[in-house]
Amino acid sequence: MEYKKLTNYLKALSWIIIALFITCTTLCVFPLKHENNDKWKDSSAVTNDSLITHVSQFKAVSFEDNPEGEMAGYGEKLIKNTYDYFYDGELKIGNKLACTSCHLNGGTKAFAAPYVGLTNVFPIYIGRENKVESLEERINGCFERSMNGRAIPENSKEMRAIVTYIKNISINTLNKGRLAGQGFVKMDIPNRAADLKHGKLVFEGKCTNCHGKDGQGMLQLAGRGYLYPPLWGKDSYNDGAGMARLLTATRFIKANMPLGASYEAPQLSDDEAYDVAAYINSFDRPKKANKELDYPNLAKKPKDSPYPPYADNVSTEQHKHGPYNF
């Protein structure tokens, strides 16, 4: 009798063990849903407080005390004090602007063509050359146009320093392409031709304190460059630069000018930014050689490109000053 009870007990225990094994196996293969299922997500989706999702969140970084950090520090000097470098003897190559004249705050200000995150963007297709370009090639585009100088060797110490600086200030960005706040701010462009007379009034009322009544900026008290850059004339960007395009200049001005403005707190209306940009670009500036060769595929040429040839029959005047309803 006792033997029979023991046998039944062992059989029941066996079935319980089998049931527990099946249950555990099922849970491993098909885990139960849980309100907090973050641990099942891809590791790239895990929040990291150091990562930024918008350029405006950028915080200054300290460069490491090593050869790469030293190179990044040199790159920062080249960006912020460009006018102190790139000489042939005593003769300056190009103008006396600094990269930070347009790429504000050393390329860290949102919607001021910032450098932050660019190492996640390049190589990228550029319509002006109709090819996929490296970051080095794009930097040289600035040297030839905005700086009105000449390209520097892509493997030079200076180029490596600039790229290293951009890499280091991009360290807290996700490697997923464009970062919000890059480029220039989006805005409603007035559906009309720019009004140069109104632009002059805006310039006189909002811009002369820094850039002067003659638009020639303000030189540093001590140094080779400008405290505030000239907006036209021999020391300004040439007519092949991106800033020589009305829509580009308008978007830059809208989010950044007068000094202290931001995309969140602009100081000019859309109309004011549009008209003053046209007024600034109506003055003489250095001429970029061979710019007619830009945009081999004319279908890629921006509407506001101020120089021919074009793929359409719209006048050069309308390409320069709008309206851009074509």
C-alpha atoms as a PDB file:
ATOM      1  CA  MET A   1       0.000   0.000   0.000  1.00  0.00           C
ATOM      2  CA  GLU A   2       2.782   2.405   0.985  1.00  0.00           C
ATOM      3  CA  TYR A   3       4.678   1.446  -2.160  1.00  0.00           C
ATOM      4  CA  LYS A   4       1.686   2.342  -4.341  1.00  0.00           C
ATOM      5  CA  LYS A   5       1.346   5.775  -2.666  1.00  0.00           C
ATOM      6  CA  LEU A   6       5.025   6.481  -3.251  1.00  0.00           C
ATOM      7  CA  THR A   7       4.731   5.503  -6.902  1.00  0.00           C
ATOM      8  CA  ASN A   8       1.758   7.835  -7.434  1.00  0.00           C
ATOM      9  CA  TYR A   9       3.606  10.645  -5.675  1.00  0.00           C
ATOM     10  CA  LEU A  10       6.644  10.236  -7.918  1.00  0.00           C
ATOM     11  CA  LYS A  11       4.460  10.213 -11.030  1.00  0.00           C
ATOM     12  CA  ALA A  12       2.726  13.448  -9.955  1.00  0.00           C
ATOM     13  CA  LEU A  13       6.085  15.061  -9.207  1.00  0.00           C
ATOM     14  CA  SER A  14       7.379  14.058 -12.631  1.00  0.00           C
ATOM     15  CA  TRP A  15       4.405  15.697 -14.344  1.00  0.00           C
ATOM     16  CA  ILE A  16       4.933  18.880 -12.327  1.00  0.00           C
ATOM     17  CA  ILE A  17       8.620  19.002 -13.363  1.00  0.00           C
ATOM     18  CA  ILE A  18       7.687  18.442 -17.033  1.00  0.00           C
ATOM     19  CA  ALA A  19       5.073  21.252 -16.855  1.00  0.00           C
ATOM     20  CA  LEU A  20       7.582  23.680 -15.298  1.00  0.00           C
ATOM     21  CA  PHE A  21      10.154  22.835 -17.983  1.00  0.00           C
ATOM     22  CA  ILE A  22       7.650  23.509 -20.795  1.00  0.00           C
ATOM     23  CA  THR A  23       6.584  26.811 -19.197  1.00  0.00           C
ATOM     24  CA  CYS A  24      10.162  28.071 -18.783  1.00  0.00           C
ATOM     25  CA  THR A  25      11.063  27.075 -22.338  1.00  0.00           C
ATOM     26  CA  THR A  26       8.025  28.921 -23.715  1.00  0.00           C
ATOM     27  CA  LEU A  27       8.857  32.086 -21.776  1.00  0.00           C
ATOM     28  CA  CYS A  28      12.424  32.083 -23.085  1.00  0.00           C
ATOM     29  CA  VAL A  29      11.332  31.758 -26.698  1.00  0.00           C
ATOM     30  CA  PHE A  30       8.212  33.963 -26.454  1.00  0.00           C
ATOM     31  CA  PRO A  31       8.796  36.507 -23.654  1.00  0.00           C
ATOM     32  CA  LEU A  32       5.719  38.003 -22.033  1.00  0.00           C
ATOM     33  CA  LYS A  33       4.861  41.601 -22.896  1.00  0.00           C
ATOM     34  CA  HIS A  34       5.726  44.048 -20.165  1.00  0.00           C
ATOM     35  CA  GLU A  35       4.927  47.704 -19.731  1.00  0.00           C
ATOM     36  CA  ASN A  36       8.633  48.500 -19.597  1.00  0.00           C
ATOM     37  CA  ASN A  37      10.071  46.700 -22.615  1.00  0.00           C
ATOM     38  CA  ASP A  38      13.069  49.001 -23.173  1.00  0.00           C
ATOM     39  CA  LYS A  39      15.495  46.124 -22.562  1.00  0.00           C
ATOM     40  CA  TRP A  40      14.218  44.418 -25.698  1.00  0.00           C
ATOM     41  CA  LYS A  41      14.939  47.478 -27.855  1.00  0.00           C
ATOM     42  CA  ASP A  42      17.976  47.881 -30.072  1.00  0.00           C
ATOM     43  CA  SER A  43      20.920  49.313 -28.127  1.00  0.00           C
ATOM     44  CA  SER A  44      21.029  52.352 -30.435  1.00  0.00           C
ATOM     45  CA  ALA A  45      17.636  53.441 -29.105  1.00  0.00           C
ATOM     46  CA  VAL A  46      18.796  53.563 -25.497  1.00  0.00           C
ATOM     47  CA  THR A  47      18.770  57.145 -24.207  1.00  0.00           C
ATOM     48  CA  ASN A  48      22.163  58.685 -23.521  1.00  0.00           C
ATOM     49  CA  ASP A  49      22.111  62.050 -21.773  1.00  0.00           C
ATOM     50  CA  SER A  50      25.323  63.093 -23.485  1.00  0.00           C
ATOM     51  CA  LEU A  51      23.899  62.795 -26.995  1.00  0.00           C
ATOM     52  CA  ILE A  52      22.305  65.814 -28.630  1.00  0.00           C
ATOM     53  CA  THR A  53      19.440  65.854 -31.109  1.00  0.00           C
ATOM     54  CA  HIS A  54      19.680  69.545 -32.075  1.00  0.00           C
ATOM     55  CA  VAL A  55      22.674  71.812 -32.613  1.00  0.00           C
ATOM     56  CA  SER A  56      21.237  74.266 -30.075  1.00  0.00           C
ATOM     57  CA  GLN A  57      21.965  71.647 -27.385  1.00  0.00           C
ATOM     58  CA  PHE A  58      25.692  71.777 -28.111  1.00  0.00           C
ATOM     59  CA  LYS A  59      27.938  72.150 -25.079  1.00  0.00           C
ATOM     60  CA  ALA A  60      31.601  73.059 -25.264  1.00  0.00           C
ATOM     61  CA  VAL A  61      33.919  70.069 -25.355  1.00  0.00           C
ATOM     62  CA  SER A  62      37.423  69.797 -23.917  1.00  0.00           C
ATOM     63  CA  PHE A  63      40.026  68.392 -26.267  1.00  0.00           C
ATOM     64  CA  GLU A  64      42.051  65.473 -24.946  1.00  0.00           C
ATOM     65  CA  ASP A  65      45.656  65.975 -23.910  1.00  0.00           C
ATOM     66  CA  ASN A  66      47.017  63.886 -26.749  1.00  0.00           C
ATOM     67  CA  PRO A  67      48.091  64.375 -30.388  1.00  0.00           C
ATOM     68  CA  GLU A  68      44.493  64.328 -31.666  1.00  0.00           C
ATOM     69  CA  GLY A  69      43.411  66.861 -29.052  1.00  0.00           C
ATOM     70  CA  GLU A  70      46.329  69.111 -29.962  1.00  0.00           C
ATOM     71  CA  MET A  71      45.361  68.880 -33.625  1.00  0.00           C
ATOM     72  CA  ALA A  72      41.737  69.759 -32.801  1.00  0.00           C
ATOM     73  CA  GLY A  73      42.931  72.760 -30.795  1.00  0.00           C
ATOM     74  CA  TYR A  74      44.969  73.949 -33.767  1.00  0.00           C
ATOM     75  CA  GLY A  75      41.909  73.488 -35.968  1.00  0.00           C
ATOM     76  CA  GLU A  76      39.883  75.663 -33.604  1.00  0.00           C
ATOM     77  CA  LYS A  77      42.457  78.449 -34.010  1.00  0.00           C
ATOM     78  CA  LEU A  78      42.281  78.123 -37.782  1.00  0.00           C
ATOM     79  CA  ILE A  79      38.484  78.399 -37.659  1.00  0.00           C
ATOM     80  CA  LYS A  80      38.264  81.315 -35.243  1.00  0.00           C
ATOM     81  CA  ASN A  81      41.369  83.263 -36.268  1.00  0.00           C
ATOM     82  CA  THR A  82      41.660  82.350 -39.931  1.00  0.00           C
ATOM     83  CA  TYR A  83      43.062  85.805 -40.748  1.00  0.00           C
ATOM     84  CA  ASP A  84      46.219  84.941 -38.749  1.00  0.00           C
ATOM     85  CA  TYR A  85      47.048  82.061 -41.078  1.00  0.00           C
ATOM     86  CA  PHE A  86      47.413  81.280 -44.799  1.00  0.00           C
ATOM     87  CA  TYR A  87      49.981  83.827 -45.947  1.00  0.00           C
ATOM     88  CA  ASP A  88      52.507  83.889 -48.759  1.00  0.00           C
ATOM     89  CA  GLY A  89      55.204  85.712 -46.846  1.00  0.00           C
ATOM     90  CA  GLU A  90      53.473  88.931 -45.799  1.00  0.00           C
ATOM     91  CA  LEU A  91      50.777  88.619 -48.470  1.00  0.00           C
ATOM     92  CA  LYS A  92      47.432  87.279 -47.271  1.00  0.00           C
ATOM     93  CA  ILE A  93      45.931  84.510 -49.389  1.00  0.00           C
ATOM     94  CA  GLY A  94      42.324  85.550 -49.915  1.00  0.00           C
ATOM     95  CA  ASN A  95      40.439  87.954 -47.653  1.00  0.00           C
ATOM     96  CA  LYS A  96      40.766  88.697 -43.940  1.00  0.00           C
ATOM     97  CA  LEU A  97      37.557  87.031 -42.844  1.00  0.00           C
ATOM     98  CA  ALA A  98      37.503  84.104 -40.433  1.00  0.00           C
ATOM     99  CA  CYS A  99      35.571  80.880 -40.923  1.00  0.00           C
ATOM    100  CA  THR A 100      33.580  81.875 -37.844  1.00  0.00           C
ATOM    101  CA  SER A 101      32.423  85.054 -39.631  1.00  0.00           C
ATOM    102  CA  CYS A 102      29.711  82.888 -41.196  1.00  0.00           C
ATOM    103  CA  HIS A 103      29.962  79.664 -39.177  1.00  0.00           C
ATOM    104  CA  LEU A 104      29.203  81.525 -35.966  1.00  0.00           C
ATOM    105  CA  ASN A 105      30.655  80.627 -32.571  1.00  0.00           C
ATOM    106  CA  GLY A 106      33.298  78.455 -34.160  1.00  0.00           C
ATOM    107  CA  GLY A 107      30.689  76.529 -36.124  1.00  0.00           C
ATOM    108  CA  THR A 108      28.535  75.624 -33.116  1.00  0.00           C
ATOM    109  CA  LYS A 109      25.519  77.961 -33.455  1.00  0.00           C
ATOM    110  CA  ALA A 110      22.272  76.444 -34.719  1.00  0.00           C
ATOM    111  CA  PHE A 111      21.198  77.542 -38.201  1.00  0.00           C
ATOM    112  CA  ALA A 112      24.445  79.426 -38.799  1.00  0.00           C
ATOM    113  CA  ALA A 113      25.855  76.704 -41.059  1.00  0.00           C
ATOM    114  CA  PRO A 114      27.268  74.846 -38.020  1.00  0.00           C
ATOM    115  CA  TYR A 115      29.973  72.224 -38.219  1.00  0.00           C
ATOM    116  CA  VAL A 116      28.477  70.151 -35.406  1.00  0.00           C
ATOM    117  CA  GLY A 117      27.596  66.711 -36.741  1.00  0.00           C
ATOM    118  CA  LEU A 118      29.088  67.200 -40.219  1.00  0.00           C
ATOM    119  CA  THR A 119      31.316  64.163 -39.867  1.00  0.00           C
ATOM    120  CA  ASN A 120      28.076  62.156 -39.941  1.00  0.00           C
ATOM    121  CA  VAL A 121      26.968  63.806 -43.193  1.00  0.00           C
ATOM    122  CA  PHE A 122      29.979  63.636 -45.515  1.00  0.00           C
ATOM    123  CA  PRO A 123      30.728  62.348 -48.090  1.00  0.00           C
ATOM    124  CA  ILE A 124      27.597  63.799 -49.715  1.00  0.00           C
ATOM    125  CA  TYR A 125      26.388  64.782 -53.172  1.00  0.00           C
ATOM    126  CA  ILE A 126      27.001  68.483 -53.976  1.00  0.00           C
ATOM    127  CA  GLY A 127      25.136  69.863 -56.970  1.00  0.00           C
ATOM    128  CA  ARG A 128      27.610  72.674 -57.590  1.00  0.00           C
ATOM    129  CA  GLU A 129      30.258  70.124 -58.595  1.00  0.00           C
ATOM    130  CA  ASN A 130      27.731  67.428 -59.532  1.00  0.00           C
ATOM    131  CA  LYS A 131      29.531  64.752 -57.543  1.00  0.00           C
ATOM    132  CA  VAL A 132      29.802  63.143 -54.141  1.00  0.00           C
ATOM    133  CA  GLU A 133      32.294  65.250 -52.185  1.00  0.00           C
ATOM    134  CA  SER A 134      34.413  64.679 -49.119  1.00  0.00           C
ATOM    135  CA  LEU A 135      34.383  67.056 -46.174  1.00  0.00           C
ATOM    136  CA  GLU A 136      37.844  68.225 -47.242  1.00  0.00           C
ATOM    137  CA  GLU A 137      36.564  69.178 -50.695  1.00  0.00           C
ATOM    138  CA  ARG A 138      33.663  71.094 -49.175  1.00  0.00           C
ATOM    139  CA  ILE A 139      36.028  72.998 -46.869  1.00  0.00           C
ATOM    140  CA  ASN A 140      38.119  73.957 -49.880  1.00  0.00           C
ATOM    141  CA  GLY A 141      34.983  75.294 -51.527  1.00  0.00           C
ATOM    142  CA  CYS A 142      34.799  77.798 -48.659  1.00  0.00           C
ATOM    143  CA  PHE A 143      38.471  78.710 -49.044  1.00  0.00           C
ATOM    144  CA  GLU A 144      37.947  79.444 -52.739  1.00  0.00           C
ATOM    145  CA  ARG A 145      34.640  81.302 -52.397  1.00  0.00           C
ATOM    146  CA  SER A 146      33.778  82.664 -48.957  1.00  0.00           C
ATOM    147  CA  MET A 147      37.444  83.313 -48.172  1.00  0.00           C
ATOM    148  CA  ASN A 148      38.137  84.378 -51.789  1.00  0.00           C
ATOM    149  CA  GLY A 149      41.415  82.470 -51.695  1.00  0.00           C
ATOM    150  CA  ARG A 150      42.598  79.129 -52.963  1.00  0.00           C
ATOM    151  CA  ALA A 151      42.254  75.502 -51.991  1.00  0.00           C
ATOM    152  CA  ILE A 152      44.700  74.061 -49.473  1.00  0.00           C
ATOM    153  CA  PRO A 153      46.208  70.582 -49.878  1.00  0.00           C
ATOM    154  CA  GLU A 154      43.736  67.989 -48.623  1.00  0.00           C
ATOM    155  CA  ASN A 155      46.464  66.141 -46.737  1.00  0.00           C
ATOM    156  CA  SER A 156      48.028  69.262 -45.208  1.00  0.00           C
ATOM    157  CA  LYS A 157      48.373  69.784 -41.464  1.00  0.00           C
ATOM    158  CA  GLU A 158      45.850  72.635 -41.664  1.00  0.00           C
ATOM    159  CA  MET A 159      43.194  70.552 -43.395  1.00  0.00           C
ATOM    160  CA  ARG A 160      43.700  67.676 -40.961  1.00  0.00           C
ATOM    161  CA  ALA A 161      43.394  70.120 -38.069  1.00  0.00           C
ATOM    162  CA  ILE A 162      40.111  71.586 -39.319  1.00  0.00           C
ATOM    163  CA  VAL A 163      38.601  68.139 -39.923  1.00  0.00           C
ATOM    164  CA  THR A 164      39.827  66.942 -36.514  1.00  0.00           C
ATOM    165  CA  TYR A 165      38.206  69.967 -34.865  1.00  0.00           C
ATOM    166  CA  ILE A 166      34.905  69.208 -36.618  1.00  0.00           C
ATOM    167  CA  LYS A 167      35.145  65.564 -35.560  1.00  0.00           C
ATOM    168  CA  ASN A 168      35.735  66.489 -31.928  1.00  0.00           C
ATOM    169  CA  ILE A 169      32.879  68.989 -31.646  1.00  0.00           C
ATOM    170  CA  SER A 170      30.636  66.336 -33.221  1.00  0.00           C
ATOM    171  CA  ILE A 171      31.492  63.673 -30.667  1.00  0.00           C
ATOM    172  CA  ASN A 172      28.091  63.794 -28.939  1.00  0.00           C
ATOM    173  CA  THR A 173      25.993  63.466 -32.097  1.00  0.00           C
ATOM    174  CA  LEU A 174      24.362  60.296 -33.390  1.00  0.00           C
ATOM    175  CA  ASN A 175      25.833  58.860 -36.556  1.00  0.00           C
ATOM    176  CA  LYS A 176      22.506  59.052 -38.384  1.00  0.00           C
ATOM    177  CA  GLY A 177      22.982  61.763 -41.013  1.00  0.00           C
ATOM    178  CA  ARG A 178      21.597  65.278 -40.677  1.00  0.00           C
ATOM    179  CA  LEU A 179      21.234  66.842 -37.252  1.00  0.00           C
ATOM    180  CA  ALA A 180      18.401  69.297 -36.577  1.00  0.00           C
ATOM    181  CA  GLY A 181      19.769  72.836 -36.543  1.00  0.00           C
ATOM    182  CA  GLN A 182      22.293  72.278 -39.322  1.00  0.00           C
ATOM    183  CA  GLY A 183      22.341  74.491 -42.403  1.00  0.00           C
ATOM    184  CA  PHE A 184      20.012  77.483 -42.361  1.00  0.00           C
ATOM    185  CA  VAL A 185      16.580  78.098 -40.874  1.00  0.00           C
ATOM    186  CA  LYS A 186      13.458  77.369 -42.916  1.00  0.00           C
ATOM    187  CA  MET A 187      11.174  80.375 -43.336  1.00  0.00           C
ATOM    188  CA  ASP A 188       8.459  81.816 -45.532  1.00  0.00           C
ATOM    189  CA  ILE A 189      10.119  83.652 -48.415  1.00  0.00           C
ATOM    190  CA  PRO A 190       8.117  86.689 -49.585  1.00  0.00           C
ATOM    191  CA  ASN A 191       6.441  85.999 -52.920  1.00  0.00           C
ATOM    192  CA  ARG A 192       7.778  89.151 -54.560  1.00  0.00           C
ATOM    193  CA  ALA A 193      10.951  90.719 -55.832  1.00  0.00           C
ATOM    194  CA  ALA A 194      13.267  92.020 -53.119  1.00  0.00           C
ATOM    195  CA  ASP A 195      12.915  95.742 -52.351  1.00  0.00           C
ATOM    196  CA  LEU A 196      16.405  97.270 -52.257  1.00  0.00           C
ATOM    197  CA  LYS A 197      15.139 100.629 -50.981  1.00  0.00           C
ATOM    198  CA  HIS A 198      13.507  98.938 -48.018  1.00  0.00           C
ATOM    199  CA  GLY A 199      16.647  96.834 -47.586  1.00  0.00           C
ATOM    200  CA  LYS A 200      18.716 100.006 -47.296  1.00  0.00           C
ATOM    201  CA  LEU A 201      16.449 101.307 -44.534  1.00  0.00           C
ATOM    202  CA  VAL A 202      16.737  98.022 -42.651  1.00  0.00           C
ATOM    203  CA  PHE A 203      20.513  98.082 -43.040  1.00  0.00           C
ATOM    204  CA  GLU A 204      20.791 101.651 -41.765  1.00  0.00           C
ATOM    205  CA  GLY A 205      18.556 100.924 -38.809  1.00  0.00           C
ATOM    206  CA  LYS A 206      19.793  97.462 -37.797  1.00  0.00           C
ATOM    207  CA  CYS A 207      23.247  96.750 -39.200  1.00  0.00           C
ATOM    208  CA  THR A 208      25.487  99.823 -39.134  1.00  0.00           C
ATOM    209  CA  ASN A 209      26.449  99.613 -35.452  1.00  0.00           C
ATOM    210  CA  CYS A 210      28.606  96.581 -36.239  1.00  0.00           C
ATOM    211  CA  HIS A 211      29.174  96.619 -39.996  1.00  0.00           C
ATOM    212  CA  GLY A 212      29.451 100.392 -40.472  1.00  0.00           C
ATOM    213  CA  LYS A 213      27.523 102.734 -42.718  1.00  0.00           C
ATOM    214  CA  ASP A 214      29.776 101.708 -45.597  1.00  0.00           C
ATOM    215  CA  GLY A 215      29.367  97.997 -44.873  1.00  0.00           C
ATOM    216  CA  GLN A 216      33.090  97.561 -44.335  1.00  0.00           C
ATOM    217  CA  GLY A 217      32.891  96.134 -40.854  1.00  0.00           C
ATOM    218  CA  MET A 218      35.076  96.921 -37.867  1.00  0.00           C
ATOM    219  CA  LEU A 219      38.736  95.959 -37.656  1.00  0.00           C
ATOM    220  CA  GLN A 220      40.185  94.451 -34.514  1.00  0.00           C
ATOM    221  CA  LEU A 221      42.036  96.933 -32.322  1.00  0.00           C
ATOM    222  CA  ALA A 222      44.934  94.505 -32.177  1.00  0.00           C
ATOM    223  CA  GLY A 223      45.197  91.754 -34.747  1.00  0.00           C
ATOM    224  CA  ARG A 224      44.973  91.121 -38.441  1.00  0.00           C
ATOM    225  CA  GLY A 225      41.255  90.492 -38.800  1.00  0.00           C
ATOM    226  CA  TYR A 226      37.836  91.960 -38.195  1.00  0.00           C
ATOM    227  CA  LEU A 227      35.799  92.222 -35.048  1.00  0.00           C
ATOM    228  CA  TYR A 228      32.753  92.477 -37.347  1.00  0.00           C
ATOM    229  CA  PRO A 229      33.212  91.426 -40.977  1.00  0.00           C
ATOM    230  CA  PRO A 230      32.751  93.567 -44.092  1.00  0.00           C
ATOM    231  CA  LEU A 231      29.625  92.682 -46.076  1.00  0.00           C
ATOM    232  CA  TRP A 232      30.890  93.755 -49.468  1.00  0.00           C
ATOM    233  CA  GLY A 233      34.119  94.990 -51.055  1.00  0.00           C
ATOM    234  CA  LYS A 234      37.569  93.421 -51.421  1.00  0.00           C
ATOM    235  CA  ASP A 235      37.619  91.715 -48.018  1.00  0.00           C
ATOM    236  CA  SER A 236      34.208  90.081 -48.322  1.00  0.00           C
ATOM    237  CA  TYR A 237      33.052  86.784 -49.830  1.00  0.00           C
ATOM    238  CA  ASN A 238      33.158  86.576 -53.613  1.00  0.00           C
ATOM    239  CA  ASP A 239      30.198  86.343 -55.984  1.00  0.00           C
ATOM    240  CA  GLY A 240      30.488  82.560 -56.232  1.00  0.00           C
ATOM    241  CA  ALA A 241      29.984  82.016 -52.498  1.00  0.00           C
ATOM    242  CA  GLY A 242      26.789  80.569 -51.071  1.00  0.00           C
ATOM    243  CA  MET A 243      26.165  83.802 -49.156  1.00  0.00           C
ATOM    244  CA  ALA A 244      26.000  85.668 -52.471  1.00  0.00           C
ATOM    245  CA  ARG A 245      22.685  83.894 -53.095  1.00  0.00           C
ATOM    246  CA  LEU A 246      19.657  85.808 -51.878  1.00  0.00           C
ATOM    247  CA  LEU A 247      17.768  82.933 -50.251  1.00  0.00           C
ATOM    248  CA  THR A 248      20.860  81.640 -48.446  1.00  0.00           C
ATOM    249  CA  ALA A 249      21.738  85.108 -47.125  1.00  0.00           C
ATOM    250  CA  THR A 250      18.118  85.713 -46.109  1.00  0.00           C
ATOM    251  CA  ARG A 251      17.933  82.529 -44.050  1.00  0.00           C
ATOM    252  CA  PHE A 252      21.272  83.220 -42.400  1.00  0.00           C
ATOM    253  CA  ILE A 253      20.264  86.774 -41.491  1.00  0.00           C
ATOM    254  CA  LYS A 254      16.818  85.740 -40.241  1.00  0.00           C
ATOM    255  CA  ALA A 255      18.169  83.401 -37.546  1.00  0.00           C
ATOM    256  CA  ASN A 256      21.359  85.251 -36.629  1.00  0.00           C
ATOM    257  CA  MET A 257      21.234  89.007 -37.231  1.00  0.00           C
ATOM    258  CA  PRO A 258      21.515  91.519 -35.697  1.00  0.00           C
ATOM    259  CA  LEU A 259      24.008  89.998 -33.287  1.00  0.00           C
ATOM    260  CA  GLY A 260      22.101  88.264 -30.497  1.00  0.00           C
ATOM    261  CA  ALA A 261      19.264  87.011 -32.676  1.00  0.00           C
ATOM    262  CA  SER A 262      18.513  83.304 -32.876  1.00  0.00           C
ATOM    263  CA  TYR A 263      16.098  81.024 -34.683  1.00  0.00           C
ATOM    264  CA  GLU A 264      13.963  81.002 -31.543  1.00  0.00           C
ATOM    265  CA  ALA A 265      14.131  84.764 -31.061  1.00  0.00           C
ATOM    266  CA  PRO A 266      14.633  86.492 -34.439  1.00  0.00           C
ATOM    267  CA  GLN A 267      14.914  90.262 -34.520  1.00  0.00           C
ATOM    268  CA  LEU A 268      13.912  90.810 -38.139  1.00  0.00           C
ATOM    269  CA  SER A 269      10.704  89.984 -39.965  1.00  0.00           C
ATOM    270  CA  ASP A 270      10.825  87.742 -43.032  1.00  0.00           C
ATOM    271  CA  ASP A 271      10.435  90.818 -45.266  1.00  0.00           C
ATOM    272  CA  GLU A 272      13.215  92.700 -43.506  1.00  0.00           C
ATOM    273  CA  ALA A 273      15.634  89.777 -43.751  1.00  0.00           C
ATOM    274  CA  TYR A 274      14.787  89.263 -47.441  1.00  0.00           C
ATOM    275  CA  ASP A 275      15.210  92.903 -48.434  1.00  0.00           C
ATOM    276  CA  VAL A 276      18.362  93.611 -46.432  1.00  0.00           C
ATOM    277  CA  ALA A 277      20.012  90.470 -47.845  1.00  0.00           C
ATOM    278  CA  ALA A 278      19.299  91.721 -51.362  1.00  0.00           C
ATOM    279  CA  TYR A 279      20.639  95.172 -50.478  1.00  0.00           C
ATOM    280  CA  ILE A 280      23.895  93.720 -49.097  1.00  0.00           C
ATOM    281  CA  ASN A 281      24.401  91.540 -52.165  1.00  0.00           C
ATOM    282  CA  SER A 282      23.722  94.433 -54.547  1.00  0.00           C
ATOM    283  CA  PHE A 283      27.209  95.858 -53.928  1.00  0.00           C
ATOM    284  CA  ASP A 284      30.442  94.975 -55.690  1.00  0.00           C
ATOM    285  CA  ARG A 285      32.500  92.128 -54.349  1.00  0.00           C
ATOM    286  CA  PRO A 286      35.364  89.967 -55.668  1.00  0.00           C
ATOM    287  CA  LYS A 287      34.602  87.938 -58.773  1.00  0.00           C
ATOM    288  CA  LYS A 288      34.958  84.166 -58.714  1.00  0.00           C
ATOM    289  CA  ALA A 289      36.701  82.904 -61.853  1.00  0.00           C
ATOM    290  CA  ASN A 290      35.057  80.184 -63.941  1.00  0.00           C
ATOM    291  CA  LYS A 291      31.825  80.138 -61.959  1.00  0.00           C
ATOM    292  CA  GLU A 292      29.939  79.524 -65.197  1.00  0.00           C
ATOM    293  CA  LEU A 293      31.258  75.965 -64.870  1.00  0.00           C
ATOM    294  CA  ASP A 294      29.349  75.487 -61.612  1.00  0.00           C
ATOM    295  CA  TYR A 295      26.413  73.071 -61.664  1.00  0.00           C
ATOM    296  CA  PRO A 296      27.330  70.941 -64.688  1.00  0.00           C
ATOM    297  CA  ASN A 297      23.797  69.616 -64.399  1.00  0.00           C
ATOM    298  CA  LEU A 298      21.877  72.903 -64.654  1.00  0.00           C
ATOM    299  CA  ALA A 299      18.725  71.233 -63.390  1.00  0.00           C
ATOM    300  CA  LYS A 300      20.472  71.170 -59.976  1.00  0.00           C
ATOM    301  CA  LYS A 301      21.225  74.899 -59.981  1.00  0.00           C
ATOM    302  CA  PRO A 302      19.358  76.779 -57.205  1.00  0.00           C
ATOM    303  CA  LYS A 303      16.736  79.311 -58.236  1.00  0.00           C
ATOM    304  CA  ASP A 304      18.597  82.122 -56.464  1.00  0.00           C
ATOM    305  CA  SER A 305      21.951  81.502 -58.124  1.00  0.00           C
ATOM    306  CA  PRO A 306      22.925  85.041 -59.208  1.00  0.00           C
ATOM    307  CA  TYR A 307      24.923  84.077 -62.287  1.00  0.00           C
ATOM    308  CA  PRO A 308      24.129  82.226 -65.514  1.00  0.00           C
ATOM    309  CA  PRO A 309      23.838  79.882 -67.289  1.00  0.00           C
ATOM    310  CA  TYR A 310      20.434  78.553 -66.298  1.00  0.00           C
ATOM    311  CA  ALA A 311      18.274  75.643 -67.364  1.00  0.00           C
ATOM    312  CA  ASP A 312      15.257  77.964 -67.756  1.00  0.00           C
ATOM    313  CA  ASN A 313      14.410  81.189 -69.567  1.00  0.00           C
ATOM    314  CA  VAL A 314      13.972  83.256 -66.400  1.00  0.00           C
ATOM    315  CA  SER A 315      16.032  86.465 -66.360  1.00  0.00           C
ATOM    316  CA  THR A 316      19.228  86.822 -64.346  1.00  0.00           C
ATOM    317  CA  GLU A 317      17.555  89.704 -62.487  1.00  0.00           C
ATOM    318  CA  GLN A 318      14.739  87.470 -61.272  1.00  0.00           C
ATOM    319  CA  HIS A 319      17.198  84.747 -60.270  1.00  0.00           C
ATOM    320  CA  LYS A 320      19.039  87.367 -58.210  1.00  0.00           C
ATOM    321  CA  HIS A 321      16.116  89.225 -56.636  1.00  0.00           C
ATOM    322  CA  GLY A 322      13.006  87.075 -57.027  1.00  0.00           C
ATOM    323  CA  PRO A 323      10.175  86.425 -56.998  1.00  0.00           C
ATOM    324  CA  TYR A 324      10.953  82.707 -56.893  1.00  0.00           C
ATOM    325  CA  ASN A 325       7.591  81.543 -58.162  1.00  0.00           C
ATOM    326  CA  PHE A 326       9.077  79.485 -60.978  1.00  0.00           C
END
